[in-house]
Protein backbone atom coordinates (compact mmCIF):
# COMPACT_ATOMS: atom_id res chain seq x y z
CA MET A 1 0.99 -5.48 -22.16
CA LYS A 2 2.81 -8.36 -23.19
CA SER A 3 2.37 -11.09 -20.82
CA MET A 4 5.41 -13.52 -19.60
CA GLY A 5 2.75 -15.38 -17.18
CA TRP A 6 4.57 -13.02 -14.10
CA SER A 7 2.50 -12.70 -10.90
CA CYS A 8 2.52 -9.73 -9.19
CA ALA A 9 4.75 -11.54 -6.12
CA GLU A 10 7.29 -12.14 -9.03
CA ILE A 11 7.16 -8.64 -10.24
CA ARG A 12 7.59 -7.34 -7.06
CA GLY A 13 10.49 -9.53 -6.18
CA TRP A 14 12.23 -8.67 -9.60
CA TRP A 15 12.09 -5.22 -8.01
CA ILE A 16 13.16 -5.55 -4.82
CA ARG A 17 16.29 -7.44 -5.99
CA THR A 18 17.43 -5.39 -9.08
CA GLY A 19 15.92 -2.01 -8.43
CA VAL A 20 15.79 0.49 -11.26
CA ALA A 21 18.07 -1.53 -13.58
CA GLY A 22 15.90 -4.67 -13.33
CA TRP A 23 12.42 -2.48 -13.83
CA VAL A 24 14.04 -1.15 -16.98
CA GLY A 25 14.98 -4.98 -18.26
CA PHE A 26 11.27 -6.13 -16.84
CA ALA A 27 9.70 -3.21 -19.10
CA LEU A 28 11.81 -4.11 -22.16
CA MET A 29 10.82 -8.13 -21.90
CA THR A 30 7.12 -7.56 -21.12
CA GLY A 31 6.43 -4.45 -22.97
CA ALA A 32 5.49 -2.15 -19.94
CA GLY A 33 6.61 0.79 -21.95
CA ASP A 34 4.66 0.14 -25.13
CA ALA A 35 2.56 2.82 -24.56
CA ALA A 36 5.33 5.37 -24.39
CA ALA A 37 7.10 6.61 -27.62
CA SER A 38 9.89 7.94 -25.59
CA PRO A 39 9.79 7.03 -21.69
CA LEU A 40 11.92 8.76 -19.11
CA VAL A 41 14.86 7.02 -18.09
CA ASN A 42 17.08 7.42 -14.86
CA GLU A 43 14.02 8.47 -12.92
CA PRO A 44 13.69 7.37 -8.96
CA ILE A 45 9.99 6.69 -9.54
CA LEU A 46 8.73 3.85 -11.67
CA PRO A 47 5.17 3.15 -13.13
CA VAL A 48 3.09 0.30 -11.69
CA PRO A 49 2.97 -2.49 -14.18
CA LEU A 50 -0.37 -2.09 -16.15
CA CYS A 51 -2.06 -5.59 -15.12
CA THR A 52 -1.60 -8.66 -13.27
CA THR A 53 -1.42 -11.76 -14.88
CA MET A 54 -3.35 -14.00 -11.96
CA ASP A 55 -5.91 -16.37 -12.08
CA GLY A 56 -9.26 -14.71 -12.32
CA ASP A 57 -11.26 -17.38 -10.48
CA LYS A 58 -8.86 -17.64 -7.79
CA LEU A 59 -9.06 -14.04 -7.28
CA ARG A 60 -12.78 -13.98 -7.63
CA LEU A 61 -12.52 -16.27 -4.21
CA GLY A 62 -10.28 -14.02 -2.60
CA ARG A 63 -12.24 -11.11 -3.30
CA ARG A 64 -15.29 -13.01 -1.72
CA LEU A 65 -13.07 -13.97 1.31
CA TYR A 66 -12.19 -9.87 1.40
CA HIS A 67 -15.77 -9.17 2.10
CA ASP A 68 -17.02 -12.00 4.28
CA VAL A 69 -17.71 -11.19 7.78
CA ARG A 70 -17.41 -14.75 9.00
CA LEU A 71 -13.58 -14.03 9.17
CA SER A 72 -14.65 -12.03 12.52
CA ALA A 73 -15.28 -13.44 15.76
CA ASN A 74 -18.77 -12.08 16.23
CA ASN A 75 -19.67 -11.99 12.36
CA THR A 76 -19.76 -8.07 11.93
CA VAL A 77 -16.37 -6.93 10.11
CA SER A 78 -14.55 -8.07 6.94
CA CYS A 79 -11.56 -6.92 5.33
CA ALA A 80 -13.49 -4.45 3.73
CA THR A 81 -14.72 -2.77 6.78
CA CYS A 82 -11.31 -1.35 7.57
CA HIS A 83 -10.42 -1.24 3.93
CA PRO A 84 -13.16 -0.58 1.44
CA LEU A 85 -11.95 -0.80 -2.08
CA GLU A 86 -14.48 1.91 -3.31
CA ARG A 87 -12.96 4.15 -0.70
CA TRP A 88 -9.21 3.24 -2.17
CA GLY A 89 -8.74 1.13 0.50
CA VAL A 90 -8.95 3.04 3.79
CA ASP A 91 -11.72 3.91 6.22
CA GLY A 92 -10.73 7.31 6.66
CA GLN A 93 -10.36 7.36 10.05
CA GLU A 94 -7.74 8.73 12.21
CA ARG A 95 -7.07 5.63 14.25
CA SER A 96 -8.22 1.91 12.99
CA SER A 97 -10.88 0.00 15.37
CA ARG A 98 -10.66 -3.80 16.32
CA VAL A 99 -13.73 -6.17 15.91
CA ASP A 100 -14.38 -5.16 19.69
CA GLY A 101 -14.35 -1.47 18.93
CA VAL A 102 -11.48 -0.68 20.74
CA ARG A 103 -9.29 1.94 18.89
CA ASP A 104 -5.56 1.06 17.49
CA GLY A 105 -2.74 3.84 18.20
CA LEU A 106 -2.53 3.51 14.04
CA HIS A 107 -4.15 5.21 10.86
CA THR A 108 -4.99 2.18 8.68
CA PRO A 109 -3.03 2.19 5.33
CA THR A 110 -4.40 1.44 2.17
CA VAL A 111 -4.61 -1.95 0.98
CA PHE A 112 -3.75 -0.85 -2.87
CA ASN A 113 -0.31 -1.62 -3.94
CA ALA A 114 0.44 -3.60 -0.82
CA LEU A 115 2.37 -5.97 -2.89
CA PHE A 116 5.30 -3.31 -3.33
CA ASN A 117 5.91 -2.75 0.28
CA LEU A 118 9.05 -4.40 1.78
CA ALA A 119 6.72 -5.89 4.74
CA GLN A 120 3.29 -4.73 5.94
CA PHE A 121 1.97 -2.64 8.70
CA TRP A 122 3.60 0.43 10.08
CA ASN A 123 6.46 -1.40 11.68
CA GLY A 124 6.75 -3.89 9.14
CA ARG A 125 6.08 -6.86 11.62
CA ALA A 126 4.15 -8.85 9.15
CA ALA A 127 6.65 -10.05 6.33
CA THR A 128 4.49 -11.18 3.95
CA LEU A 129 0.63 -10.44 2.90
CA GLU A 130 -0.29 -13.82 4.36
CA ASP A 131 1.64 -12.95 7.57
CA GLN A 132 -0.57 -9.66 7.74
CA VAL A 133 -3.51 -11.68 6.90
CA ASP A 134 -3.01 -13.79 9.79
CA GLU A 135 -2.60 -11.03 12.26
CA VAL A 136 -5.63 -9.02 10.88
CA VAL A 137 -7.91 -12.36 11.48
CA ARG A 138 -6.53 -13.10 14.74
CA VAL A 139 -6.15 -9.65 16.37
CA GLN A 140 -7.83 -7.12 14.79
CA MET A 141 -10.80 -9.55 13.90
CA GLY A 142 -10.43 -11.64 17.15
CA SER A 143 -11.01 -14.66 15.58
CA ASP A 144 -9.59 -18.25 15.96
CA TRP A 145 -8.52 -19.98 12.92
CA ASN A 146 -10.32 -23.10 13.82
CA ASP A 147 -13.58 -21.26 14.21
CA VAL A 148 -13.17 -19.76 10.79
CA VAL A 149 -12.52 -22.73 9.07
CA ARG A 150 -15.46 -24.36 10.56
CA LYS A 151 -17.61 -21.36 9.75
CA LEU A 152 -16.69 -21.31 6.02
CA THR A 153 -16.81 -25.29 5.58
CA GLN A 154 -20.42 -25.12 6.28
CA ASP A 155 -20.76 -23.12 2.89
CA ALA A 156 -21.02 -25.12 -0.21
CA ASP A 157 -20.03 -22.88 -2.60
CA TYR A 158 -16.58 -22.13 -0.49
CA ARG A 159 -16.05 -26.00 -0.25
CA ARG A 160 -16.26 -26.35 -4.19
CA GLU A 161 -14.14 -22.89 -4.65
CA PHE A 162 -11.51 -24.03 -2.21
CA GLY A 163 -11.62 -27.43 -3.56
CA ARG A 164 -10.46 -26.41 -7.06
CA PHE A 165 -7.33 -24.41 -6.01
CA TYR A 166 -6.04 -26.32 -2.87
CA ARG A 167 -5.72 -30.09 -2.37
CA GLY A 168 -6.31 -29.55 1.41
CA GLY A 169 -9.53 -27.79 0.90
CA ILE A 170 -10.40 -25.08 3.31
CA GLN A 171 -7.78 -24.57 5.82
CA ALA A 172 -6.18 -21.30 7.56
CA ALA A 173 -3.25 -21.52 4.90
CA SER A 174 -5.63 -21.86 2.02
CA ILE A 175 -7.73 -18.92 3.30
CA ARG A 176 -4.45 -16.76 3.79
CA ASP A 177 -3.10 -17.45 0.52
CA ALA A 178 -6.37 -16.42 -1.46
CA LEU A 179 -6.88 -13.69 0.49
CA ALA A 180 -3.02 -12.44 -0.13
CA GLU A 181 -3.19 -13.23 -3.71
CA PHE A 182 -6.12 -11.10 -4.26
CA GLU A 183 -4.60 -8.19 -2.44
CA ARG A 184 -1.68 -8.61 -4.84
CA SER A 185 -3.93 -7.88 -7.55
CA LEU A 186 -4.86 -4.80 -6.04
CA ILE A 187 -2.43 -2.44 -8.00
CA THR A 188 -3.43 1.39 -9.37
CA PRO A 189 -1.82 1.63 -12.91
CA ASN A 190 -1.91 4.43 -15.65
CA SER A 191 -2.00 7.42 -13.49
CA ARG A 192 -1.38 10.73 -15.08
CA PHE A 193 2.31 10.33 -14.16
CA ASP A 194 2.93 7.09 -14.84
CA ARG A 195 1.65 7.90 -18.42
CA HIS A 196 4.40 11.10 -18.01
CA LEU A 197 7.05 8.70 -16.90
CA ARG A 198 6.06 6.11 -20.13
CA GLY A 199 6.67 9.28 -22.40
CA ASP A 200 3.37 11.11 -23.07
CA PRO A 201 4.09 14.80 -22.95
CA GLN A 202 0.61 16.01 -22.14
CA ALA A 203 0.01 13.66 -19.19
CA ILE A 204 0.85 16.07 -16.47
CA THR A 205 0.64 20.11 -16.71
CA ALA A 206 3.41 22.47 -16.61
CA GLU A 207 2.85 23.35 -12.74
CA GLU A 208 2.57 19.33 -11.89
CA LYS A 209 6.01 18.98 -13.59
CA ALA A 210 7.29 21.98 -11.47
CA GLY A 211 6.12 20.16 -8.43
CA TYR A 212 7.80 16.72 -9.44
CA ALA A 213 11.01 18.72 -10.11
CA LEU A 214 10.71 20.19 -6.55
CA PHE A 215 9.77 16.86 -4.97
CA LYS A 216 13.21 15.73 -6.28
CA GLY A 217 15.16 18.91 -5.73
CA LEU A 218 13.98 19.08 -1.87
CA GLY A 219 14.96 15.31 -1.34
CA CYS A 220 11.36 13.93 -0.82
CA VAL A 221 12.24 11.69 -3.28
CA SER A 222 15.32 10.02 -0.76
CA CYS A 223 12.23 8.06 0.84
CA HIS A 224 9.49 8.57 -1.38
CA GLN A 225 10.88 6.43 -4.66
CA GLY A 226 10.27 3.47 -6.37
CA VAL A 227 7.15 1.76 -7.98
CA ASN A 228 4.94 2.79 -4.84
CA LEU A 229 6.52 6.02 -3.95
CA GLY A 230 7.86 4.64 -0.61
CA GLY A 231 6.89 1.58 1.04
CA ASN A 232 10.40 -0.08 0.64
CA MET A 233 12.68 1.45 3.75
CA TYR A 234 11.96 2.53 7.45
CA HIS A 235 12.63 6.22 8.69
CA HIS A 236 12.55 8.27 11.81
CA SER A 237 9.44 10.45 12.38
CA GLY A 238 10.36 13.63 13.31
CA VAL A 239 14.06 14.29 12.23
CA PHE A 240 14.02 18.06 12.73
CA VAL A 241 11.10 18.47 15.03
CA GLY A 242 9.19 16.51 17.12
CA VAL A 243 5.67 15.74 16.37
CA GLY A 244 2.71 14.57 18.10
CA SER A 245 1.87 14.57 21.61
CA GLY A 246 -0.43 13.25 23.99
CA ALA A 247 -1.76 9.79 24.88
CA ALA A 248 -2.72 9.10 21.41
CA GLU A 249 0.45 9.71 20.05
CA SER A 250 2.42 7.59 22.86
CA ALA A 251 0.05 4.73 21.94
CA ALA A 252 0.84 5.16 18.02
CA ASP A 253 4.89 5.42 19.22
CA GLU A 254 4.57 2.10 20.88
CA GLN A 255 3.74 0.23 17.80
CA ASP A 256 7.26 1.72 15.96
CA ARG A 257 9.97 -0.34 14.44
CA PHE A 258 11.54 -0.74 17.89
CA ALA A 259 8.35 -2.88 19.03
CA VAL A 260 9.73 -5.28 16.51
CA THR A 261 13.50 -5.41 16.49
CA GLY A 262 14.39 -4.15 20.32
CA VAL A 263 16.86 -1.82 19.08
CA PRO A 264 16.91 1.47 20.60
CA GLU A 265 17.56 3.47 17.45
CA ASP A 266 14.59 2.14 15.98
CA ARG A 267 12.14 4.30 18.41
CA ARG A 268 9.79 6.43 16.39
CA VAL A 269 10.82 4.49 13.14
CA PHE A 270 8.21 3.54 10.91
CA LYS A 271 8.02 2.23 7.08
CA VAL A 272 7.61 5.08 4.76
CA PRO A 273 4.27 5.28 3.41
CA GLY A 274 3.63 4.98 -0.44
CA LEU A 275 2.17 7.86 -2.16
CA ARG A 276 0.00 6.17 -4.85
CA ASN A 277 -3.27 7.87 -4.87
CA VAL A 278 -2.44 9.84 -1.80
CA ALA A 279 -4.67 12.41 -2.36
CA ARG A 280 -7.52 9.80 -1.83
CA THR A 281 -6.30 8.61 1.52
CA ALA A 282 -6.60 10.98 4.13
CA PRO A 283 -5.83 11.37 7.29
CA TYR A 284 -2.24 11.15 7.21
CA PHE A 285 0.77 9.52 8.93
CA HIS A 286 0.95 6.53 11.14
CA ASP A 287 -0.93 8.08 13.67
CA GLY A 288 -3.78 10.13 11.29
CA ARG A 289 -2.92 13.43 12.98
CA VAL A 290 -3.22 15.42 9.79
CA ALA A 291 -6.18 15.95 7.94
CA THR A 292 -5.26 17.58 4.63
CA LEU A 293 -2.71 16.92 1.81
CA GLU A 294 -1.69 20.41 2.13
CA ASP A 295 -1.00 20.39 5.67
CA ALA A 296 0.75 17.06 5.13
CA VAL A 297 3.03 18.38 2.67
CA THR A 298 3.89 21.47 4.92
CA ASP A 299 4.60 19.02 7.93
CA MET A 300 6.54 16.65 6.15
CA ALA A 301 8.84 19.55 4.75
CA ARG A 302 9.20 21.01 8.56
CA SER A 303 9.83 17.81 10.39
CA GLN A 304 11.43 15.27 7.95
CA LEU A 305 13.53 18.20 5.79
CA GLY A 306 13.79 21.17 8.21
CA ARG A 307 12.29 23.19 5.64
CA ALA A 308 9.28 25.89 5.91
CA LEU A 309 7.74 25.82 2.39
CA ALA A 310 6.67 29.03 0.78
CA VAL A 311 2.80 28.56 -0.63
CA GLY A 312 3.82 28.21 -3.74
CA GLU A 313 6.01 25.40 -3.32
CA ARG A 314 3.32 23.70 -1.41
CA ASP A 315 0.76 24.25 -3.91
CA ARG A 316 3.20 22.67 -6.59
CA LEU A 317 4.18 19.75 -4.51
CA VAL A 318 0.24 18.90 -3.99
CA ALA A 319 -0.27 19.49 -7.67
CA PHE A 320 2.45 16.82 -8.39
CA LEU A 321 1.08 14.58 -5.76
CA ARG A 322 -2.62 14.70 -7.40
CA THR A 323 -0.97 13.26 -10.50
CA LEU A 324 -0.59 9.60 -8.73
CA ASP A 325 -4.56 8.74 -8.76
CA GLY A 326 -4.14 5.36 -10.52
CA ALA A 327 -7.18 3.12 -11.89
CA LEU A 328 -8.65 1.12 -9.38
CA TYR A 329 -7.63 -2.85 -10.16
CA GLY A 330 -5.01 -3.65 -12.33
CA GLU A 331 -6.02 -7.10 -13.46
CA CYS A 332 -5.59 -8.35 -17.07
CA PRO A 333 -8.87 -8.26 -19.07
């Protein structure tokens, strides 16, 4: 991929501002489509950029912070505890836990491809990745930023590394920035479906192509499109059929979009999840109520589309979704 020196944040901003047309222009200028003899056009889904062009040394600082338990109040958990990178950025639990062991009401979303989201958390309460880092450290990890800064300042390696990139050294803002920058590097390019979009006729099978056609034909793509196949809009959970019941679901629903906006129409509205690597990130939905991809597809068709799928339809959709596994870490060599 030819580099223009663009950061992932700039790529994301370009996509948000200009949509499909912007991506086509970006691909032409950067060579994002170089691997394709005849890339597909006018598709609602766009390939992940092949790599990022961020400073490798700064990313190493962010990676170290990401795995550092000193960010938590009791020095027991790190970002990687709930978002282990080797497990596609998820902990596999139905509900996430805070540092004190208290279960949150919501399922932990993957950290991969988060830069393509319009906002962070299921209800979009964090406008940026920096805001997301701030809340995680203060709430999920139970820390005070003054304590975090004090602990990290005792580390000579941190003092030296922060001094290279931040005039003020180790501060809450510089920690947030380094972590957010590292998270922006966590893209998963070059999935088989991306290779299909770039024009490789052998990248996916006939069944997987039929699954993609069905995905578009049923209307799934009306919410799951763009680079991340979602993450760029909000939608009501359970349009045709109510989903979930009981105390756990009520706790999840209390963290809906209404909690952010106060608008009654935003009750049970959540950010549409991205489907990149979806076969790897079970369980599913904001409340983690579904354990398998097959059941998730059936549930979505019933509750969001008002459609009962035949087994063959479900299997074709699942076959397509399994083509979305990308390569972990998209940093330029």
